[in-house]
Amino acid sequence: MAKLIMVQGTCSNAGKSLLCAALCRIFRQDGYRVAPFKSQNMALNSFITADGREMGRAQVVQAEAAGIAPDVRMNPILLKPTSDVGSQVIIMGEAHGNRTAREYWGHKKALLPVIKEAFDSLAAENDIIVIEGAGSPAEINLKQDDIVNMGLAKLVDAPVLLVGDIDRGGVFASLYGTVKLLDEDEQARIRGLVINKFRGDVEILRPGLTQLEELTGRPVVGVVPYGRFDIDDEDSLSERLETKSAPALVNIAVVKLPRLSNFTDFSALSRVPGVGVRYADRPAQLEDADLIILPGTKSTIADLRWLRESGMEAALLKAHAAGTPVFGICGGYQMMGRTVSDPENTEGGGSLRGIGLLPVETVFRTAKTTVQTHGTVADTAGVLHGLSGLAVEGYEIHMGETVRDADAQPFVTLNHGEHEVPDGCVTENACGTYLHGVFDAPEAAQRLAQALADRKGVTLEGAAEDPAVYRERQYDLLAATVRRSLDMQRIYDIMEGKA
């Protein structure tokens, strides 16, 4: 049976996901078969596995760090928020409709057998399982039916590391308070404390660490420095969504929709030398863009209304009329058409006029398309001509069916098993596709950036590193930083029951 270590946090965004990824890489480097696990994840940034199932991006990152293929067993329950009070429920990679928070809460414990079966099968195949909690274990109003923090730790008998974020302040209070709000048996599961995102001289912190250990009766097993690792983020708490990049040779504006999903689609573009990618939620932020991207969203109709009411649609149309190309992916592609209709109440019902940049119509259906695929970009004209013939790969994840006008040109031909399917639509300076990850192919981001640079009359110097090589280097850098910062021998002892 696999050895276990669980990482819980004092709050959301304390750094649990990256710390778990680092541990996965460290254990792999040390020669162990290791897999990540998170029983329940809430995020809009998801991924489609090779067998067409949907899981949270954080466990995909952790699987990559562990050197194994993403598997839906690593994240058996995924909640994708559709509103402030409701989510689509994904169980073992398949959509099971939308539920309000109250509805889901009432049926949550029925999912325990699903969680346990997924966990047990992973544990039987690996030497170590790195388990990630969610939010905080000290949400005392939610503890009774917990299936992701201490409830899961008890279910699988896992020792726990508790992580606090010093960058946001109050780390000693948050660690102490979290421990003391837990029941005695839950406190006993905490075998070590970790302070994350520290800036400065750790020696100045020593007196506080000693006092924290005395107050909690738990050892501090490490202080992890604040680091900038270019690794895919999980959700809208990502710092990259708030980063205000300086003007670059080529400037790309991604519209920051309220329910933006799969923003990792644009990571490859930001790595091309001379390209700046920023996330825009105000009309003025679109003014100097060389390309405007409408990203995916979990709520196309609601976010289309926001686009209209916020003035972003008018600014986008003004920029497009002046010659700025617009590229839409998934929900963004749907918005760019003439209408978006929801006759089966998938997103709340109704119909809404689209932006009108592409000759397509979208109708939502209850069936969800989830598939990995690859294909070839069509012979396109205009700004995107440089992408013609490019081999691309990625995945589709959508509930809409989009139909082009008979004389409209598709953007790409995709392979769906034994069939080739034309996807998307392209005009002189507007394009849309359902293919997530369209820019991830080694040449794709570079060719798009070059096309925009040629149009602008500027010269890009250098090329982006191969994405796979770059990603591995980032995981190794993360692991090296965390290995230096944690008492790894003590962590091994904790997993062995010796500490």
Foldseek 3Di string as FASTA:
>chain_A
DAFEEEEFELFPPLCQLLVLLLVLLVVVVVPWQEAEAFAEEEAQAWAAFAVQFIDFPSRCSSCVSNVHGDALLRYQWYWYDLDPFKTFIGGRRHTDAMDGPVRCLVCVLVCLVSNVVSVVVVRVVTHYYYYYAHTACLPVVNNPRDCGPLVVCVVVVHAYEYEGEPVVHDRLVSVLVRLVSDDPVSNVSHAEYEYEADDDDCVVCVVVQVVSCVSSVHHHFFYFHRDDFLTDDGHPVDPQQVDDDDDFLAEEEEEPFPFFYNPVLCSQLCQWFRYDYYYDPALVVCPPHLEYEYEDGPALVVRLVSCVVRCVLVSVVVVVVVPRFYEYEASRLQQQEQKEAECPCRSHGDMDGHSHNAQKHKYFDPDWGGHWKKWFFDCDAALLNLRHGPIFTAIATHRMDMDHDPPFDAGIWIDDDPDTHGFWTDDNRYTYGRGRNRQLQQCRSVSSVVSSSVVVVHDGDDGGDNVVVSSNVSSVVSNVSVVVTGPVVVVVCVSVVND
